[in-house]
Amino acid sequence: MAALSLAYLRFRRDKIFIVMLGLTAYFFYGYALYTIQGQYTSIYPVYLAIFGLSIYGLILGLLSFNYNGQNDYQLPKTVRIGISGFLLMILLVLVPVWWMQMSADIANHFPGENYAVFILDFGIVFPALAITAVKLLQNRSVGYVLGGVMLLKTLTICLSVGFGELFQAYYGSNPLDFGMLGIFGILTLISLGFFFSYIMKLRINPSV
């Protein structure tokens, strides 16, 4: 993030800024988990600070773009539809999985270990994915910006979850969950491919 900030100050490229917002979305999600689930370590105030700053960074960053022009952002139709389909696929895969896990907690009237994930995903992330997919299909400027942000957020989160599954199996007492590892491994690879295609193919009008 520090390197990207310096690059943006030097070159003022919107693509760099979109990548920065994607990483900010990752910080928001990761540190939201730490704060909501009460990871009360000696640096808990730092978690709170990063969480709060990332929220306002995302809001102010997304508001800084001009969404009024019709041809300010351009992506090949195949890439645009592919990204939209991928984001909708994430919803089709994860919503039922998360709902089944959450249903057990609801039946027990007690939150499980991952209750913060359900809060963030059902309350914020899943609606954001749906909105982004729809705006891309509608060929709206906001969809182009959100598309890059959500792809990088998906890439970094899925990579982290996949690594976490391996880490817990190797260092902890939990057996390796091949199902979860497979789901998030595949999502990581697909999101990496789409993000690379997005960065390479996105065209931004200099007047934006």
N, C-alpha and C. Protein backbone atom coordinates (compact mmCIF):
# COMPACT_ATOMS: atom_id res chain seq x y z
N MET A 1 0.82 -1.20 0.00
CA MET A 1 0.00 0.00 0.00
C MET A 1 0.86 1.26 0.00
N ALA A 2 1.95 1.24 0.78
CA ALA A 2 2.85 2.39 0.81
C ALA A 2 3.49 2.61 -0.56
N ALA A 3 3.92 1.52 -1.20
CA ALA A 3 4.54 1.64 -2.53
C ALA A 3 3.53 2.15 -3.55
N LEU A 4 2.30 1.65 -3.48
CA LEU A 4 1.26 2.11 -4.40
C LEU A 4 0.93 3.58 -4.16
N SER A 5 0.93 4.01 -2.91
CA SER A 5 0.66 5.41 -2.60
C SER A 5 1.71 6.32 -3.23
N LEU A 6 2.97 5.92 -3.12
CA LEU A 6 4.05 6.70 -3.74
C LEU A 6 3.91 6.71 -5.26
N ALA A 7 3.55 5.54 -5.84
CA ALA A 7 3.38 5.46 -7.28
C ALA A 7 2.23 6.35 -7.75
N TYR A 8 1.15 6.37 -6.96
CA TYR A 8 0.02 7.20 -7.35
C TYR A 8 0.36 8.69 -7.27
N LEU A 9 1.07 9.08 -6.23
CA LEU A 9 1.48 10.48 -6.11
C LEU A 9 2.39 10.89 -7.26
N ARG A 10 3.13 9.92 -7.79
CA ARG A 10 4.06 10.22 -8.89
C ARG A 10 3.36 10.23 -10.24
N PHE A 11 2.50 9.26 -10.50
CA PHE A 11 1.94 9.10 -11.84
C PHE A 11 0.47 9.50 -11.95
N ARG A 12 -0.26 9.55 -10.85
CA ARG A 12 -1.68 9.93 -10.85
C ARG A 12 -2.50 9.08 -11.81
N ARG A 13 -2.31 7.78 -11.78
CA ARG A 13 -3.05 6.86 -12.63
C ARG A 13 -4.24 6.28 -11.84
N ASP A 14 -5.41 6.31 -12.46
CA ASP A 14 -6.60 5.81 -11.78
C ASP A 14 -6.54 4.31 -11.53
N LYS A 15 -5.85 3.58 -12.39
CA LYS A 15 -5.72 2.14 -12.18
C LYS A 15 -4.99 1.86 -10.86
N ILE A 16 -3.96 2.65 -10.58
CA ILE A 16 -3.22 2.49 -9.32
C ILE A 16 -4.16 2.77 -8.15
N PHE A 17 -4.98 3.79 -8.29
CA PHE A 17 -5.90 4.16 -7.21
C PHE A 17 -6.94 3.08 -6.98
N ILE A 18 -7.41 2.44 -8.05
CA ILE A 18 -8.38 1.36 -7.92
C ILE A 18 -7.76 0.19 -7.17
N VAL A 19 -6.50 -0.13 -7.48
CA VAL A 19 -5.81 -1.19 -6.75
C VAL A 19 -5.67 -0.83 -5.28
N MET A 20 -5.37 0.42 -4.99
CA MET A 20 -5.28 0.87 -3.60
C MET A 20 -6.61 0.69 -2.88
N LEU A 21 -7.71 1.00 -3.56
CA LEU A 21 -9.03 0.82 -2.94
C LEU A 21 -9.33 -0.65 -2.72
N GLY A 22 -8.88 -1.51 -3.64
CA GLY A 22 -9.07 -2.94 -3.45
C GLY A 22 -8.34 -3.45 -2.22
N LEU A 23 -7.12 -2.98 -2.01
CA LEU A 23 -6.37 -3.35 -0.81
C LEU A 23 -7.01 -2.76 0.44
N THR A 24 -7.56 -1.55 0.32
CA THR A 24 -8.27 -0.95 1.44
C THR A 24 -9.48 -1.78 1.83
N ALA A 25 -10.18 -2.33 0.81
CA ALA A 25 -11.31 -3.21 1.09
C ALA A 25 -10.85 -4.46 1.83
N TYR A 26 -9.68 -4.95 1.48
CA TYR A 26 -9.12 -6.10 2.19
C TYR A 26 -8.81 -5.75 3.64
N PHE A 27 -8.21 -4.58 3.86
CA PHE A 27 -7.93 -4.13 5.23
C PHE A 27 -9.23 -3.99 6.03
N PHE A 28 -10.24 -3.41 5.38
CA PHE A 28 -11.53 -3.24 6.05
C PHE A 28 -12.07 -4.58 6.51
N TYR A 29 -12.07 -5.57 5.62
CA TYR A 29 -12.65 -6.86 5.95
C TYR A 29 -11.85 -7.57 7.03
N GLY A 30 -10.53 -7.61 6.85
CA GLY A 30 -9.69 -8.32 7.81
C GLY A 30 -9.75 -7.73 9.20
N TYR A 31 -9.64 -6.42 9.29
CA TYR A 31 -9.63 -5.79 10.61
C TYR A 31 -11.02 -5.64 11.19
N ALA A 32 -12.05 -5.69 10.34
CA ALA A 32 -13.41 -5.77 10.86
C ALA A 32 -13.60 -7.09 11.61
N LEU A 33 -13.04 -8.17 11.08
CA LEU A 33 -13.12 -9.45 11.79
C LEU A 33 -12.44 -9.36 13.15
N TYR A 34 -11.26 -8.73 13.19
CA TYR A 34 -10.53 -8.60 14.45
C TYR A 34 -11.31 -7.79 15.48
N THR A 35 -11.93 -6.69 15.03
CA THR A 35 -12.62 -5.81 15.97
C THR A 35 -13.97 -6.38 16.40
N ILE A 36 -14.74 -6.93 15.46
CA ILE A 36 -16.07 -7.45 15.81
C ILE A 36 -15.95 -8.67 16.72
N GLN A 37 -15.01 -9.55 16.42
CA GLN A 37 -14.86 -10.77 17.22
C GLN A 37 -14.00 -10.55 18.46
N GLY A 38 -13.60 -9.32 18.68
CA GLY A 38 -12.94 -8.98 19.94
C GLY A 38 -11.58 -9.61 20.13
N GLN A 39 -10.68 -9.40 19.17
CA GLN A 39 -9.31 -9.88 19.33
C GLN A 39 -8.55 -8.90 20.23
N TYR A 40 -8.79 -9.03 21.53
CA TYR A 40 -8.28 -8.04 22.47
C TYR A 40 -6.82 -8.29 22.82
N THR A 41 -5.97 -8.04 21.86
CA THR A 41 -4.54 -8.11 22.11
C THR A 41 -4.07 -6.73 22.57
N SER A 42 -2.79 -6.62 22.83
CA SER A 42 -2.24 -5.34 23.29
C SER A 42 -2.31 -4.25 22.22
N ILE A 43 -2.48 -4.64 20.95
CA ILE A 43 -2.57 -3.65 19.87
C ILE A 43 -4.00 -3.58 19.30
N TYR A 44 -4.98 -3.93 20.11
CA TYR A 44 -6.37 -3.84 19.66
C TYR A 44 -6.74 -2.42 19.20
N PRO A 45 -6.27 -1.35 19.86
CA PRO A 45 -6.56 -0.01 19.34
C PRO A 45 -6.05 0.20 17.91
N VAL A 46 -4.96 -0.47 17.56
CA VAL A 46 -4.46 -0.37 16.18
C VAL A 46 -5.44 -1.02 15.22
N TYR A 47 -6.00 -2.18 15.61
CA TYR A 47 -7.02 -2.82 14.79
C TYR A 47 -8.20 -1.87 14.56
N LEU A 48 -8.64 -1.22 15.63
CA LEU A 48 -9.75 -0.28 15.52
C LEU A 48 -9.41 0.87 14.59
N ALA A 49 -8.20 1.38 14.70
CA ALA A 49 -7.79 2.52 13.88
C ALA A 49 -7.77 2.14 12.40
N ILE A 50 -7.19 1.00 12.08
CA ILE A 50 -7.13 0.56 10.68
C ILE A 50 -8.54 0.29 10.15
N PHE A 51 -9.37 -0.31 10.97
CA PHE A 51 -10.76 -0.59 10.59
C PHE A 51 -11.50 0.71 10.26
N GLY A 52 -11.41 1.68 11.15
CA GLY A 52 -12.10 2.95 10.93
C GLY A 52 -11.55 3.71 9.74
N LEU A 53 -10.23 3.78 9.62
CA LEU A 53 -9.61 4.50 8.50
C LEU A 53 -9.97 3.85 7.16
N SER A 54 -10.03 2.51 7.14
CA SER A 54 -10.34 1.83 5.89
C SER A 54 -11.77 2.12 5.44
N ILE A 55 -12.70 2.24 6.39
CA ILE A 55 -14.08 2.57 6.03
C ILE A 55 -14.14 3.93 5.33
N TYR A 56 -13.56 4.94 5.96
CA TYR A 56 -13.61 6.28 5.38
C TYR A 56 -12.74 6.39 4.14
N GLY A 57 -11.65 5.61 4.10
CA GLY A 57 -10.83 5.59 2.89
C GLY A 57 -11.60 5.05 1.70
N LEU A 58 -12.38 3.99 1.91
CA LEU A 58 -13.20 3.44 0.84
C LEU A 58 -14.28 4.42 0.40
N ILE A 59 -14.96 5.01 1.37
CA ILE A 59 -16.05 5.94 1.03
C ILE A 59 -15.52 7.14 0.25
N LEU A 60 -14.50 7.79 0.77
CA LEU A 60 -13.96 8.97 0.11
C LEU A 60 -13.30 8.62 -1.22
N GLY A 61 -12.64 7.46 -1.27
CA GLY A 61 -11.99 7.04 -2.50
C GLY A 61 -13.00 6.78 -3.62
N LEU A 62 -14.07 6.07 -3.31
CA LEU A 62 -15.08 5.77 -4.32
C LEU A 62 -15.83 7.03 -4.76
N LEU A 63 -16.01 7.97 -3.83
CA LEU A 63 -16.70 9.21 -4.19
C LEU A 63 -15.84 10.14 -5.04
N SER A 64 -14.54 9.89 -5.11
CA SER A 64 -13.64 10.78 -5.85
C SER A 64 -13.70 10.57 -7.35
N PHE A 65 -14.35 9.48 -7.81
CA PHE A 65 -14.43 9.23 -9.25
C PHE A 65 -15.62 9.95 -9.86
N ASN A 66 -15.50 10.25 -11.15
CA ASN A 66 -16.59 10.86 -11.90
C ASN A 66 -17.39 9.75 -12.56
N TYR A 67 -18.64 9.59 -12.15
CA TYR A 67 -19.48 8.53 -12.69
C TYR A 67 -20.53 9.05 -13.66
N ASN A 68 -20.43 10.31 -14.06
CA ASN A 68 -21.48 10.91 -14.88
C ASN A 68 -21.31 10.61 -16.36
N GLY A 69 -20.07 10.45 -16.82
CA GLY A 69 -19.83 10.22 -18.24
C GLY A 69 -20.25 8.82 -18.67
N GLN A 70 -20.67 8.68 -19.92
CA GLN A 70 -21.12 7.39 -20.43
C GLN A 70 -19.97 6.58 -21.01
N ASN A 71 -18.92 7.23 -21.47
CA ASN A 71 -17.82 6.52 -22.14
C ASN A 71 -16.48 6.76 -21.44
N ASP A 72 -16.54 7.10 -20.16
CA ASP A 72 -15.30 7.38 -19.43
C ASP A 72 -14.51 6.10 -19.16
N TYR A 73 -15.20 4.98 -18.95
CA TYR A 73 -14.56 3.71 -18.65
C TYR A 73 -14.96 2.69 -19.71
N GLN A 74 -13.98 1.91 -20.17
CA GLN A 74 -14.27 0.94 -21.21
C GLN A 74 -13.59 -0.38 -20.89
N LEU A 75 -14.36 -1.46 -21.04
CA LEU A 75 -13.85 -2.82 -20.94
C LEU A 75 -14.47 -3.62 -22.09
N PRO A 76 -13.72 -4.57 -22.64
CA PRO A 76 -14.35 -5.44 -23.64
C PRO A 76 -15.59 -6.12 -23.05
N LYS A 77 -16.60 -6.29 -23.87
CA LYS A 77 -17.86 -6.85 -23.38
C LYS A 77 -17.67 -8.22 -22.74
N THR A 78 -16.80 -9.03 -23.32
CA THR A 78 -16.57 -10.37 -22.77
C THR A 78 -15.97 -10.31 -21.37
N VAL A 79 -15.04 -9.38 -21.16
CA VAL A 79 -14.42 -9.23 -19.83
C VAL A 79 -15.44 -8.72 -18.83
N ARG A 80 -16.23 -7.73 -19.25
CA ARG A 80 -17.24 -7.15 -18.36
C ARG A 80 -18.27 -8.20 -17.93
N ILE A 81 -18.77 -8.96 -18.89
CA ILE A 81 -19.77 -9.98 -18.57
C ILE A 81 -19.13 -11.12 -17.78
N GLY A 82 -17.87 -11.46 -18.11
CA GLY A 82 -17.18 -12.52 -17.37
C GLY A 82 -16.99 -12.17 -15.90
N ILE A 83 -16.59 -10.93 -15.63
CA ILE A 83 -16.41 -10.48 -14.24
C ILE A 83 -17.75 -10.50 -13.51
N SER A 84 -18.78 -10.00 -14.17
CA SER A 84 -20.10 -9.99 -13.55
C SER A 84 -20.56 -11.41 -13.23
N GLY A 85 -20.37 -12.32 -14.17
CA GLY A 85 -20.76 -13.71 -13.94
C GLY A 85 -19.98 -14.35 -12.81
N PHE A 86 -18.69 -14.01 -12.71
CA PHE A 86 -17.87 -14.55 -11.63
C PHE A 86 -18.34 -14.06 -10.27
N LEU A 87 -18.66 -12.78 -10.17
CA LEU A 87 -19.14 -12.24 -8.90
C LEU A 87 -20.48 -12.87 -8.50
N LEU A 88 -21.34 -13.10 -9.48
CA LEU A 88 -22.60 -13.76 -9.18
C LEU A 88 -22.38 -15.23 -8.79
N MET A 89 -21.37 -15.85 -9.40
CA MET A 89 -21.05 -17.24 -9.05
C MET A 89 -20.61 -17.35 -7.60
N ILE A 90 -19.85 -16.35 -7.14
CA ILE A 90 -19.43 -16.35 -5.73
C ILE A 90 -20.65 -16.37 -4.82
N LEU A 91 -21.65 -15.57 -5.17
CA LEU A 91 -22.87 -15.55 -4.37
C LEU A 91 -23.57 -16.90 -4.40
N LEU A 92 -23.63 -17.51 -5.57
CA LEU A 92 -24.30 -18.81 -5.69
C LEU A 92 -23.58 -19.90 -4.90
N VAL A 93 -22.25 -19.78 -4.79
CA VAL A 93 -21.48 -20.78 -4.06
C VAL A 93 -21.51 -20.53 -2.55
N LEU A 94 -21.23 -19.29 -2.15
CA LEU A 94 -21.01 -19.01 -0.74
C LEU A 94 -22.28 -18.77 0.06
N VAL A 95 -23.29 -18.17 -0.55
CA VAL A 95 -24.52 -17.90 0.21
C VAL A 95 -25.11 -19.19 0.80
N PRO A 96 -25.28 -20.26 0.02
CA PRO A 96 -25.82 -21.49 0.65
C PRO A 96 -24.89 -22.09 1.70
N VAL A 97 -23.57 -22.05 1.43
CA VAL A 97 -22.62 -22.61 2.40
C VAL A 97 -22.66 -21.84 3.71
N TRP A 98 -22.60 -20.52 3.61
CA TRP A 98 -22.64 -19.69 4.81
C TRP A 98 -23.98 -19.84 5.53
N TRP A 99 -25.07 -19.95 4.75
CA TRP A 99 -26.39 -20.05 5.37
C TRP A 99 -26.52 -21.35 6.16
N MET A 100 -26.00 -22.44 5.63
CA MET A 100 -26.06 -23.71 6.35
C MET A 100 -25.26 -23.64 7.65
N GLN A 101 -24.07 -23.01 7.59
CA GLN A 101 -23.27 -22.89 8.80
C GLN A 101 -23.94 -21.97 9.82
N MET A 102 -24.52 -20.88 9.33
CA MET A 102 -25.17 -19.95 10.23
C MET A 102 -26.44 -20.53 10.83
N SER A 103 -27.13 -21.39 10.08
CA SER A 103 -28.36 -21.99 10.56
C SER A 103 -28.12 -22.83 11.81
N ALA A 104 -26.96 -23.49 11.87
CA ALA A 104 -26.64 -24.29 13.05
C ALA A 104 -26.50 -23.39 14.28
N ASP A 105 -25.87 -22.22 14.09
CA ASP A 105 -25.73 -21.28 15.20
C ASP A 105 -27.09 -20.73 15.63
N ILE A 106 -27.95 -20.47 14.64
CA ILE A 106 -29.29 -19.96 14.96
C ILE A 106 -30.08 -21.00 15.74
N ALA A 107 -29.95 -22.27 15.34
CA ALA A 107 -30.65 -23.34 16.03
C ALA A 107 -30.18 -23.48 17.48
N ASN A 108 -28.89 -23.22 17.69
CA ASN A 108 -28.32 -23.31 19.04
C ASN A 108 -28.50 -22.03 19.85
N HIS A 109 -29.01 -20.97 19.19
CA HIS A 109 -29.18 -19.67 19.84
C HIS A 109 -27.88 -19.16 20.44
N PHE A 110 -26.79 -19.46 19.74
CA PHE A 110 -25.47 -19.02 20.23
C PHE A 110 -24.53 -18.88 19.03
N PRO A 111 -23.80 -17.75 18.96
CA PRO A 111 -22.93 -17.54 17.79
C PRO A 111 -21.73 -18.47 17.80
N GLY A 112 -21.35 -18.93 16.62
CA GLY A 112 -20.15 -19.75 16.48
C GLY A 112 -18.92 -18.90 16.34
N GLU A 113 -17.81 -19.55 16.01
CA GLU A 113 -16.53 -18.84 15.93
C GLU A 113 -16.50 -17.84 14.77
N ASN A 114 -17.27 -18.11 13.73
CA ASN A 114 -17.20 -17.28 12.52
C ASN A 114 -18.37 -16.31 12.39
N TYR A 115 -18.96 -15.92 13.50
CA TYR A 115 -20.16 -15.08 13.40
C TYR A 115 -19.87 -13.73 12.73
N ALA A 116 -18.64 -13.21 12.89
CA ALA A 116 -18.31 -11.93 12.26
C ALA A 116 -18.28 -12.05 10.73
N VAL A 117 -17.90 -13.21 10.23
CA VAL A 117 -17.90 -13.44 8.78
C VAL A 117 -19.32 -13.34 8.24
N PHE A 118 -20.28 -13.93 8.95
CA PHE A 118 -21.67 -13.88 8.50
C PHE A 118 -22.19 -12.44 8.53
N ILE A 119 -21.82 -11.68 9.54
CA ILE A 119 -22.24 -10.28 9.64
C ILE A 119 -21.72 -9.49 8.44
N LEU A 120 -20.43 -9.60 8.17
CA LEU A 120 -19.81 -8.82 7.11
C LEU A 120 -20.29 -9.27 5.73
N ASP A 121 -20.36 -10.58 5.52
CA ASP A 121 -20.71 -11.07 4.19
C ASP A 121 -22.17 -10.81 3.85
N PHE A 122 -23.09 -11.21 4.74
CA PHE A 122 -24.50 -11.02 4.44
C PHE A 122 -24.91 -9.55 4.52
N GLY A 123 -24.25 -8.78 5.39
CA GLY A 123 -24.64 -7.39 5.55
C GLY A 123 -23.99 -6.43 4.58
N ILE A 124 -22.75 -6.73 4.13
CA ILE A 124 -22.00 -5.77 3.33
C ILE A 124 -21.47 -6.38 2.04
N VAL A 125 -20.72 -7.47 2.15
CA VAL A 125 -19.97 -7.97 0.99
C VAL A 125 -20.89 -8.56 -0.07
N PHE A 126 -21.81 -9.43 0.31
CA PHE A 126 -22.69 -10.04 -0.69
C PHE A 126 -23.54 -9.01 -1.42
N PRO A 127 -24.15 -8.04 -0.72
CA PRO A 127 -24.86 -6.99 -1.46
C PRO A 127 -23.94 -6.20 -2.39
N ALA A 128 -22.69 -5.94 -1.95
CA ALA A 128 -21.75 -5.20 -2.79
C ALA A 128 -21.40 -5.98 -4.05
N LEU A 129 -21.24 -7.29 -3.91
CA LEU A 129 -20.97 -8.13 -5.08
C LEU A 129 -22.14 -8.09 -6.06
N ALA A 130 -23.35 -8.18 -5.53
CA ALA A 130 -24.53 -8.15 -6.39
C ALA A 130 -24.67 -6.81 -7.10
N ILE A 131 -24.48 -5.73 -6.37
CA ILE A 131 -24.58 -4.39 -6.97
C ILE A 131 -23.53 -4.21 -8.07
N THR A 132 -22.31 -4.64 -7.79
CA THR A 132 -21.24 -4.52 -8.77
C THR A 132 -21.56 -5.31 -10.03
N ALA A 133 -22.03 -6.54 -9.86
CA ALA A 133 -22.37 -7.37 -11.02
C ALA A 133 -23.46 -6.73 -11.87
N VAL A 134 -24.49 -6.19 -11.22
CA VAL A 134 -25.59 -5.56 -11.95
C VAL A 134 -25.11 -4.32 -12.69
N LYS A 135 -24.30 -3.49 -12.03
CA LYS A 135 -23.81 -2.27 -12.67
C LYS A 135 -22.89 -2.57 -13.84
N LEU A 136 -22.12 -3.67 -13.75
CA LEU A 136 -21.30 -4.06 -14.89
C LEU A 136 -22.17 -4.50 -16.06
N LEU A 137 -23.21 -5.27 -15.77
CA LEU A 137 -24.11 -5.70 -16.83
C LEU A 137 -24.84 -4.52 -17.46
N GLN A 138 -25.10 -3.49 -16.65
CA GLN A 138 -25.76 -2.29 -17.15
C GLN A 138 -24.79 -1.33 -17.84
N ASN A 139 -23.50 -1.68 -17.84
CA ASN A 139 -22.47 -0.86 -18.47
C ASN A 139 -22.38 0.53 -17.83
N ARG A 140 -22.47 0.57 -16.51
CA ARG A 140 -22.40 1.82 -15.77
C ARG A 140 -20.97 2.07 -15.28
N SER A 141 -20.59 3.33 -15.23
CA SER A 141 -19.23 3.70 -14.84
C SER A 141 -18.88 3.22 -13.43
N VAL A 142 -19.83 3.31 -12.52
CA VAL A 142 -19.57 2.88 -11.15
C VAL A 142 -19.26 1.39 -11.10
N GLY A 143 -19.84 0.62 -12.02
CA GLY A 143 -19.56 -0.80 -12.07
C GLY A 143 -18.13 -1.11 -12.45
N TYR A 144 -17.56 -0.30 -13.33
CA TYR A 144 -16.17 -0.50 -13.74
C TYR A 144 -15.21 -0.29 -12.57
N VAL A 145 -15.46 0.74 -11.79
CA VAL A 145 -14.60 1.01 -10.63
C VAL A 145 -14.80 -0.05 -9.56
N LEU A 146 -16.06 -0.32 -9.23
CA LEU A 146 -16.33 -1.33 -8.20
C LEU A 146 -15.84 -2.71 -8.63
N GLY A 147 -15.86 -2.98 -9.93
CA GLY A 147 -15.41 -4.28 -10.41
C GLY A 147 -13.97 -4.57 -10.02
N GLY A 148 -13.09 -3.59 -10.22
CA GLY A 148 -11.69 -3.78 -9.84
C GLY A 148 -11.51 -3.90 -8.34
N VAL A 149 -12.24 -3.07 -7.60
CA VAL A 149 -12.15 -3.11 -6.13
C VAL A 149 -12.59 -4.47 -5.60
N MET A 150 -13.73 -4.96 -6.08
CA MET A 150 -14.27 -6.22 -5.58
C MET A 150 -13.44 -7.41 -6.02
N LEU A 151 -12.86 -7.35 -7.22
CA LEU A 151 -12.00 -8.45 -7.67
C LEU A 151 -10.76 -8.57 -6.79
N LEU A 152 -10.11 -7.44 -6.49
CA LEU A 152 -8.91 -7.50 -5.67
C LEU A 152 -9.25 -7.88 -4.23
N LYS A 153 -10.36 -7.38 -3.74
CA LYS A 153 -10.79 -7.77 -2.40
C LYS A 153 -11.04 -9.27 -2.34
N THR A 154 -11.72 -9.81 -3.37
CA THR A 154 -11.99 -11.24 -3.43
C THR A 154 -10.70 -12.04 -3.51
N LEU A 155 -9.79 -11.58 -4.35
CA LEU A 155 -8.50 -12.27 -4.51
C LEU A 155 -7.75 -12.34 -3.19
N THR A 156 -7.61 -11.23 -2.50
CA THR A 156 -6.82 -11.20 -1.27
C THR A 156 -7.49 -11.96 -0.14
N ILE A 157 -8.81 -11.85 -0.03
CA ILE A 157 -9.51 -12.56 1.04
C ILE A 157 -9.47 -14.07 0.81
N CYS A 158 -9.77 -14.50 -0.43
CA CYS A 158 -9.76 -15.94 -0.72
C CYS A 158 -8.37 -16.52 -0.55
N LEU A 159 -7.35 -15.78 -0.93
CA LEU A 159 -5.97 -16.24 -0.73
C LEU A 159 -5.67 -16.38 0.75
N SER A 160 -6.12 -15.42 1.55
CA SER A 160 -5.90 -15.47 3.00
C SER A 160 -6.61 -16.66 3.64
N VAL A 161 -7.87 -16.89 3.22
CA VAL A 161 -8.63 -18.00 3.78
C VAL A 161 -7.99 -19.34 3.41
N GLY A 162 -7.58 -19.46 2.15
CA GLY A 162 -6.92 -20.69 1.73
C GLY A 162 -5.63 -20.94 2.49
N PHE A 163 -4.84 -19.89 2.68
CA PHE A 163 -3.62 -20.03 3.46
C PHE A 163 -3.94 -20.37 4.91
N GLY A 164 -5.02 -19.77 5.43
CA GLY A 164 -5.42 -20.06 6.81
C GLY A 164 -5.79 -21.52 7.01
N GLU A 165 -6.46 -22.12 6.02
CA GLU A 165 -6.81 -23.53 6.11
C GLU A 165 -5.55 -24.39 6.19
N LEU A 166 -4.56 -24.08 5.36
CA LEU A 166 -3.30 -24.83 5.39
C LEU A 166 -2.56 -24.60 6.70
N PHE A 167 -2.56 -23.35 7.16
CA PHE A 167 -1.83 -23.01 8.38
C PHE A 167 -2.41 -23.74 9.59
N GLN A 168 -3.75 -23.73 9.68
CA GLN A 168 -4.39 -24.40 10.83
C GLN A 168 -4.16 -25.90 10.81
N ALA A 169 -4.16 -26.49 9.61
CA ALA A 169 -3.95 -27.93 9.53
C ALA A 169 -2.52 -28.30 9.88
N TYR A 170 -1.58 -27.42 9.55
CA TYR A 170 -0.17 -27.74 9.78
C TYR A 170 0.26 -27.46 11.21
N TYR A 171 -0.19 -26.31 11.75
CA TYR A 171 0.26 -25.90 13.08
C TYR A 171 -0.78 -26.16 14.16
N GLY A 172 -2.05 -26.27 13.79
CA GLY A 172 -3.09 -26.45 14.78
C GLY A 172 -3.54 -27.89 14.89
N SER A 173 -4.66 -28.07 15.57
CA SER A 173 -5.19 -29.41 15.80
C SER A 173 -6.32 -29.76 14.84
N ASN A 174 -6.74 -28.78 14.02
CA ASN A 174 -7.84 -29.04 13.10
C ASN A 174 -7.36 -29.79 11.86
N PRO A 175 -8.10 -30.79 11.40
CA PRO A 175 -7.74 -31.48 10.16
C PRO A 175 -7.95 -30.57 8.95
N LEU A 176 -7.25 -30.84 7.89
CA LEU A 176 -7.36 -30.03 6.69
C LEU A 176 -8.74 -30.23 6.05
N ASP A 177 -9.45 -29.13 5.84
CA ASP A 177 -10.75 -29.17 5.20
C ASP A 177 -10.54 -29.00 3.70
N PHE A 178 -10.52 -30.11 2.98
CA PHE A 178 -10.24 -30.06 1.55
C PHE A 178 -11.35 -29.35 0.78
N GLY A 179 -12.57 -29.42 1.29
CA GLY A 179 -13.67 -28.73 0.63
C GLY A 179 -13.47 -27.22 0.63
N MET A 180 -13.20 -26.67 1.82
CA MET A 180 -12.97 -25.22 1.94
C MET A 180 -11.72 -24.81 1.18
N LEU A 181 -10.66 -25.62 1.29
CA LEU A 181 -9.42 -25.30 0.58
C LEU A 181 -9.66 -25.29 -0.93
N GLY A 182 -10.44 -26.25 -1.41
CA GLY A 182 -10.72 -26.30 -2.84
C GLY A 182 -11.54 -25.11 -3.31
N ILE A 183 -12.58 -24.77 -2.55
CA ILE A 183 -13.44 -23.64 -2.92
C ILE A 183 -12.64 -22.35 -3.01
N PHE A 184 -11.87 -22.06 -1.95
CA PHE A 184 -11.17 -20.78 -1.92
C PHE A 184 -9.92 -20.79 -2.80
N GLY A 185 -9.35 -21.97 -3.02
CA GLY A 185 -8.24 -22.04 -3.97
C GLY A 185 -8.70 -21.73 -5.38
N ILE A 186 -9.83 -22.30 -5.77
CA ILE A 186 -10.37 -22.04 -7.11
C ILE A 186 -10.79 -20.58 -7.25
N LEU A 187 -11.45 -20.04 -6.22
CA LEU A 187 -11.85 -18.63 -6.27
C LEU A 187 -10.65 -17.71 -6.37
N THR A 188 -9.56 -18.06 -5.70
CA THR A 188 -8.34 -17.26 -5.77
C THR A 188 -7.78 -17.23 -7.18
N LEU A 189 -7.69 -18.39 -7.82
CA LEU A 189 -7.13 -18.46 -9.17
C LEU A 189 -8.02 -17.75 -10.18
N ILE A 190 -9.33 -17.93 -10.06
CA ILE A 190 -10.23 -17.28 -11.01
C ILE A 190 -10.20 -15.76 -10.84
N SER A 191 -10.24 -15.31 -9.59
CA SER A 191 -10.21 -13.86 -9.36
C SER A 191 -8.88 -13.26 -9.81
N LEU A 192 -7.79 -14.00 -9.66
CA LEU A 192 -6.49 -13.51 -10.15
C LEU A 192 -6.52 -13.34 -11.66
N GLY A 193 -7.08 -14.32 -12.36
CA GLY A 193 -7.16 -14.22 -13.81
C GLY A 193 -8.03 -13.06 -14.26
N PHE A 194 -9.18 -12.90 -13.63
CA PHE A 194 -10.07 -11.80 -14.00
C PHE A 194 -9.46 -10.45 -13.65
N PHE A 195 -8.78 -10.36 -12.50
CA PHE A 195 -8.18 -9.09 -12.12
C PHE A 195 -7.08 -8.70 -13.09
N PHE A 196 -6.27 -9.66 -13.49
CA PHE A 196 -5.21 -9.37 -14.47
C PHE A 196 -5.82 -8.89 -15.78
N SER A 197 -6.87 -9.57 -16.22
CA SER A 197 -7.54 -9.16 -17.45
C SER A 197 -8.16 -7.78 -17.30
N TYR A 198 -8.74 -7.51 -16.13
CA TYR A 198 -9.34 -6.20 -15.85
C TYR A 198 -8.31 -5.08 -15.96
N ILE A 199 -7.17 -5.25 -15.30
CA ILE A 199 -6.13 -4.22 -15.28
C ILE A 199 -5.57 -3.99 -16.68
N MET A 200 -5.40 -5.07 -17.43
CA MET A 200 -4.81 -4.95 -18.76
C MET A 200 -5.79 -4.34 -19.77
N LYS A 201 -7.08 -4.62 -19.61
CA LYS A 201 -8.05 -4.22 -20.62
C LYS A 201 -8.80 -2.92 -20.30
N LEU A 202 -8.78 -2.49 -19.05
CA LEU A 202 -9.54 -1.29 -18.67
C LEU A 202 -8.95 -0.06 -19.35
N ARG A 203 -9.81 0.71 -19.97
CA ARG A 203 -9.42 1.97 -20.60
C ARG A 203 -10.19 3.10 -19.92
N ILE A 204 -9.44 4.14 -19.52
CA ILE A 204 -10.05 5.25 -18.81
C ILE A 204 -9.81 6.53 -19.59
N ASN A 205 -10.88 7.27 -19.85
CA ASN A 205 -10.77 8.54 -20.54
C ASN A 205 -9.91 9.49 -19.72
N PRO A 206 -8.92 10.16 -20.32
CA PRO A 206 -8.06 11.07 -19.56
C PRO A 206 -8.80 12.18 -18.85
N SER A 207 -10.02 12.48 -19.27
CA SER A 207 -10.77 13.56 -18.63
C SER A 207 -11.39 13.15 -17.31
N VAL A 208 -11.38 11.81 -17.02
CA VAL A 208 -11.99 11.34 -15.78
C VAL A 208 -11.22 11.84 -14.58
